[in-house]
Amino acid sequence: MIIVGFVLRLFPHPANFAPIMALALFSGLYLPKRLNVIIPVVAMLISDIFLGFYSLPIMFSVYASFILATVLGTWLKKHKNIGNVILTTFAGSSLFFLVTNFSVWAFGTMYTHNLPGLMQSYYMALPFFRNSLMGDLFYVGIFVGVAEMAIKYLKVEKMSKAENRV
């Protein structure tokens, strides 16, 4: 999964149409707690080595957003249905948008440090939010869809083997 996140983040793609949020939600949903945060953070860290590092406080907010998305995925584990998967994906994208753009405003120099500057920061980031949301829905659909098909296949396979033993 780390390699998938790393490779897909390095491939050319529209801005913010990347798999890391989906990877974080997926990790929280399917992996044990001791591993679920490691996967998206390591995928980000390795890809950031190649893409370049940036402002530490802003970088921290990006990584923190993915860690929080893993928590959303952990919640989803006990509430898994298609509606909650879509809702949690939207929540993860929104969380990322709110946290990271607040951080760009608070720690950057692009916007004035007042309420109009904060609003401008969010307004200017709306195209990136659209791409994030579309990418997150796309990759969550693929990751969760493949996982659920594999789970269903394995259950059918187990049932088939059990029936053959009778």
Protein backbone atom coordinates (compact mmCIF):
# COMPACT_ATOMS: atom_id res chain seq x y z
CA MET A 1 0.00 0.00 0.00
CA ILE A 2 2.91 2.35 0.74
CA ILE A 3 4.30 1.69 -2.73
CA VAL A 4 0.87 2.29 -4.33
CA GLY A 5 0.51 5.64 -2.50
CA PHE A 6 4.08 6.63 -3.29
CA VAL A 7 3.93 5.73 -7.00
CA LEU A 8 0.51 7.25 -7.61
CA ARG A 9 1.54 10.47 -5.90
CA LEU A 10 4.61 10.74 -8.14
CA PHE A 11 2.72 10.06 -11.38
CA PRO A 12 1.53 13.20 -13.16
CA HIS A 13 -1.96 14.10 -11.98
CA PRO A 14 -4.16 17.17 -11.55
CA ALA A 15 -3.26 19.16 -8.42
CA ASN A 16 -4.48 17.36 -5.27
CA PHE A 17 -5.94 14.42 -7.23
CA ALA A 18 -3.82 11.99 -5.22
CA PRO A 19 -4.40 8.73 -3.34
CA ILE A 20 -3.04 9.57 0.12
CA MET A 21 -6.35 10.57 1.76
CA ALA A 22 -7.95 7.42 0.37
CA LEU A 23 -5.00 5.44 1.67
CA ALA A 24 -5.46 6.96 5.13
CA LEU A 25 -9.19 6.14 5.20
CA PHE A 26 -8.51 2.66 3.83
CA SER A 27 -5.79 2.04 6.42
CA GLY A 28 -8.08 3.05 9.26
CA LEU A 29 -10.86 0.89 7.87
CA TYR A 30 -8.96 -2.33 7.17
CA LEU A 31 -5.64 -2.37 9.01
CA PRO A 32 -4.90 -2.99 12.69
CA LYS A 33 -4.43 0.12 14.83
CA ARG A 34 -0.68 -0.45 15.21
CA LEU A 35 -0.23 -0.15 11.42
CA ASN A 36 -2.99 2.10 10.14
CA VAL A 37 -1.29 5.48 10.71
CA ILE A 38 2.09 4.26 9.47
CA ILE A 39 0.94 3.52 5.90
CA PRO A 40 -0.18 7.01 4.77
CA VAL A 41 2.55 8.81 6.75
CA VAL A 42 5.34 6.68 5.28
CA ALA A 43 3.88 6.98 1.77
CA MET A 44 3.82 10.79 2.19
CA LEU A 45 7.31 10.91 3.69
CA ILE A 46 8.89 8.81 0.94
CA SER A 47 7.15 10.76 -1.82
CA ASP A 48 8.06 14.08 -0.15
CA ILE A 49 11.71 13.03 -0.34
CA PHE A 50 11.32 13.02 -4.14
CA LEU A 51 8.85 15.90 -4.48
CA GLY A 52 10.52 18.17 -1.94
CA PHE A 53 9.85 19.31 1.58
CA TYR A 54 8.26 22.64 2.43
CA SER A 55 7.30 24.80 5.41
CA LEU A 56 7.43 22.60 8.53
CA PRO A 57 4.22 23.93 10.16
CA ILE A 58 2.29 23.52 6.91
CA MET A 59 3.78 20.08 6.35
CA PHE A 60 2.78 19.12 9.90
CA SER A 61 -0.83 20.13 9.17
CA VAL A 62 -0.85 18.02 6.00
CA TYR A 63 0.44 14.95 7.84
CA ALA A 64 -1.90 15.59 10.79
CA SER A 65 -4.85 15.73 8.38
CA PHE A 66 -3.96 12.29 7.07
CA ILE A 67 -3.57 10.93 10.59
CA LEU A 68 -7.02 12.31 11.48
CA ALA A 69 -8.41 10.71 8.31
CA THR A 70 -7.08 7.39 9.57
CA VAL A 71 -9.16 7.96 12.72
CA LEU A 72 -12.19 8.53 10.48
CA GLY A 73 -11.42 5.23 8.78
CA THR A 74 -11.23 3.51 12.16
CA TRP A 75 -14.70 4.87 12.99
CA LEU A 76 -15.91 3.61 9.62
CA LYS A 77 -14.79 0.09 10.54
CA LYS A 78 -17.80 -0.27 12.87
CA HIS A 79 -20.20 1.70 10.64
CA LYS A 80 -19.33 0.39 7.18
CA ASN A 81 -21.90 0.90 4.45
CA ILE A 82 -21.71 2.73 1.14
CA GLY A 83 -23.34 5.88 2.51
CA ASN A 84 -20.87 6.12 5.39
CA VAL A 85 -17.93 5.43 3.07
CA ILE A 86 -18.99 8.37 0.88
CA LEU A 87 -19.73 10.57 3.90
CA THR A 88 -16.40 9.74 5.53
CA THR A 89 -14.56 10.43 2.28
CA PHE A 90 -16.24 13.83 2.04
CA ALA A 91 -15.38 14.48 5.72
CA GLY A 92 -11.73 13.56 5.13
CA SER A 93 -11.49 15.84 2.10
CA SER A 94 -13.18 18.67 4.00
CA LEU A 95 -10.95 18.18 7.02
CA PHE A 96 -7.86 18.32 4.81
CA PHE A 97 -9.14 21.46 3.07
CA LEU A 98 -9.97 23.29 6.32
CA VAL A 99 -6.82 22.31 8.24
CA THR A 100 -4.24 22.78 5.51
CA ASN A 101 -5.60 26.06 4.17
CA PHE A 102 -5.85 27.44 7.69
CA SER A 103 -2.22 26.46 8.10
CA VAL A 104 -1.23 28.14 4.80
CA TRP A 105 -2.98 31.29 6.03
CA ALA A 106 -1.56 31.15 9.57
CA PHE A 107 2.05 30.26 8.74
CA GLY A 108 2.44 31.51 5.20
CA THR A 109 2.89 34.93 3.66
CA MET A 110 0.41 34.70 0.77
CA TYR A 111 -2.56 36.10 2.72
CA THR A 112 -3.06 38.87 5.24
CA HIS A 113 -3.39 37.60 8.79
CA ASN A 114 -6.96 38.69 9.37
CA LEU A 115 -10.42 37.28 8.68
CA PRO A 116 -10.57 38.51 5.05
CA GLY A 117 -7.15 36.91 4.45
CA LEU A 118 -8.37 33.61 5.88
CA MET A 119 -11.50 33.73 3.72
CA GLN A 120 -9.36 34.51 0.68
CA SER A 121 -7.15 31.53 1.50
CA TYR A 122 -10.17 29.22 1.51
CA TYR A 123 -11.67 30.83 -1.61
CA MET A 124 -8.46 30.51 -3.61
CA ALA A 125 -8.17 26.85 -2.62
CA LEU A 126 -11.64 25.82 -3.84
CA PRO A 127 -10.34 24.37 -7.16
CA PHE A 128 -7.89 22.24 -5.17
CA PHE A 129 -10.71 21.11 -2.88
CA ARG A 130 -12.73 19.99 -5.90
CA ASN A 131 -9.75 17.97 -7.15
CA SER A 132 -9.11 16.53 -3.69
CA LEU A 133 -12.70 15.45 -3.29
CA MET A 134 -12.85 13.90 -6.77
CA GLY A 135 -9.52 12.12 -6.24
CA ASP A 136 -10.52 10.91 -2.80
CA LEU A 137 -13.85 9.56 -4.05
CA PHE A 138 -12.10 7.91 -7.00
CA TYR A 139 -9.34 6.25 -4.98
CA VAL A 140 -11.56 5.31 -2.02
CA GLY A 141 -13.94 3.72 -4.52
CA ILE A 142 -11.12 1.68 -6.01
CA PHE A 143 -9.38 0.75 -2.73
CA VAL A 144 -12.54 -0.10 -0.78
CA GLY A 145 -14.21 -1.69 -3.79
CA VAL A 146 -11.27 -4.03 -4.42
CA ALA A 147 -11.00 -4.86 -0.70
CA GLU A 148 -14.70 -5.63 -0.38
CA MET A 149 -14.66 -7.77 -3.53
CA ALA A 150 -11.65 -9.67 -2.17
CA ILE A 151 -13.40 -10.17 1.19
CA LYS A 152 -16.54 -11.39 -0.57
CA TYR A 153 -14.51 -13.68 -2.82
CA LEU A 154 -12.62 -15.14 0.14
CA LYS A 155 -15.89 -15.82 1.99
CA VAL A 156 -17.34 -17.55 -1.09
CA GLU A 157 -14.11 -19.50 -1.49
CA LYS A 158 -14.22 -20.61 2.18
CA MET A 159 -17.89 -21.58 1.90
CA SER A 160 -17.19 -23.53 -1.29
CA LYS A 161 -14.35 -25.46 0.33
CA ALA A 162 -16.50 -26.19 3.39
CA GLU A 163 -19.32 -27.51 1.16
CA ASN A 164 -16.89 -29.75 -0.71
CA ARG A 165 -15.80 -31.34 2.57
CA VAL A 166 -19.37 -32.36 3.46
